[in-house]
Amino acid sequence: MSSSRPTSSLKRLSKTGKEGKMVLIAAFAFWLRDCFICSDVYLTLLCFTSVLLIVRTVQIYHLFRNLPPGPWGLPFLGFLPFLQGVPHLQFCQLRRRYGSIFSARLGSHLVVVLSDYKTIRKAFRQEAFSARPENEITALMEGYGIINVDGDMWKDQRRFLHERLRSFGMKHVGHGKEQLESRIMVEVETFLQAVAREKGNPCCLARSMTLSMSNVICSMLMSVRFDSEDPRFKRFMFLIEEGFQLVSATGAANFIPCLRNLPRIQELNVKIQNNRKEMQEFFKEIVDLHKATFDPNNIRDMVDTYLLEIELARKDQRFELLFEGKDPDRQIYQIMGDLFSAGMETVKTTLQWSVVYMLHHPDIMKNVQDELDQVVGRNRLPTLEDMAFLPYTEATLLEVLRRSTVVPMGTTHSTTREMDFEGFTIPKNSSVIPLIHAVHMDPKLWDHPEKFDPTRFLSAEGAVTKPEFFMPFGVGRRMCLGDVLARMELFLFFSCLLHVYNLEVPAHETLPSIDGNTMGVTTTPDKFKVCVIPRQIELTTSLENFTEPATTLLTRKK
């Protein structure tokens, strides 16, 4: 049932184009007239139904005949029942059969998969490919935020956020970069202190990494830091993680709308809505505190930038146009949620993968540490200024990004109109998936792609080089807004961790798998433990005596 679509059975009906269809319809019309004259009701109904079926068949043929090739699937369900196991790996199998551009109907949705880096770049530079698919989640957002909005709202918010994030130091050079680095280093040292407390015993680093990455984002967004025992932080992270699971569990209803009426799906959707309301209450508390302490001459974080924009809009008499007339507070809440979830999850997961790959390749870890010792020395931590002189360390991180490809199917786009693309016709409202995993594992682009080899990102002279088919943060108009911050975080956390510690597999434990688990949109490592053994590094400030800074804005409620 999942064989290729038929492409020849209806050619005789359509080879003459519109004239042929008109002749065909006219002939049946005359036949239908004769049937009425004979007053044969049953024959008339049969003829009328036949005409409708033939016309509809011709319409469907013309709609589908120029689609990218792909599996046909089942009526109403399409290829959805055949999607079992890991979706991005199954799509890679379809790529080998149908080519770099293929399509499949998943329930009521047409999905077009792009798996060649050139076509991905070409498509995602175009406005017609820049929309988001309409589904239960986008409907729940009600047009708020940045991730799941389209049109002028998305353009205005992306421009606004791009400018404001750069002002906070999210750029490669210039004013503000040092301030952002200092925010990150506070969390790096807090993380290293937490690791030091394990005293080389087997431990799971995921929790400490989650806390540290969350605090980097929270400090930028809302001037808030959490400690690991803060009940609000535990509840907040639970809601985030449960949210990913709930969205994944209700995913089938996005493709088969009738499933939304099932009691279980309705129950899960109610849970999603309740969790979202609880998170908005958390954000409301933060925004209210910002309003009470707001100073337009002292912008502390992203919440303040929005409050300033709202104040300026009122003064300039353009408040009604701001956020297309939507509730400004709700827009702030959703922006905070969007930026937090997008900025924390992928970076944390990539850092976990870096530990997994270092456990698998202790020789590469040793090469990184040797470079750090030579460039940084043994009495301080690495800084962003050191990055230019640490090409092997940076190349190792790039190889982690390539080999893990944390978001293997990128972010799904949607077409705003019918498109002629690469010789195919892609209908309006088609979902378009960039199969980044296929690009990063393409043997035509990478020599032995299964092998973990940082030197593939180094030139003959030893300089870092990134090919255009390397796209861990996406490409085009909806490319990740926080890619600069992500690169800063990954470099500082990874380099500092390896500079201070050796990573070893605990005794009687096996190496963690490099296959991972794909839940929702991300591929995460299996749970694993690691022994973090101190190296002979004599820091001027001992991690044992490091004092974790207090929350900068909110007082903790006990």
Foldseek 3Di string as FASTA:
>chain_A
DFDKDDQPPCCVQDVVHPVSVVVVLVVLVVVLVVCVVVVPVVVNVVSVVVSVVVVVVVVVNVVPNFAQIGTQADPQQKCQVVCDDDNLVVVLVRCVVRHQWHWIAGRPFIEIEGAALVQQQVQQQDLLFFAAFDFPVLVLLVQFAAPHHDDPLNVVVLVLCLVVVVQCQLDLDDPNVVVLQVQLVLLLLVLVLVLVVCVQDWDFSLLSLLQSQLSSLCCAAQLWHDDSPFPVVVLVVVLLVVLLQLCLVLVSCRNHVVCCPDPVNVVSSVVNSVSLVVLLVVLVVRLVLCVVVADLVDQRHNSNSLVNVCVVCVVVVNNCPPSVNDDSSSNSSRNSVVCSSVRRPVLSQLLVLLLLVCQVPVVLLVVQLVQCCVQVNQAAADGSVCPQSRLSLLLLSLLSLLQFLFQQFAHKTFGCAWDCGPSGIDGHSHIYTHRLNSLSQPCVVDPNSNDRDSCVQADPVGGGHDDSSRQSQGHHDPGDSNPSVSSNSSSRNVRRQSNFWDKYADPPDDRWDSQADDRRRTGGTDGGIIGTHTDPGRYPDDSNPDDNDHRDRDDRDD
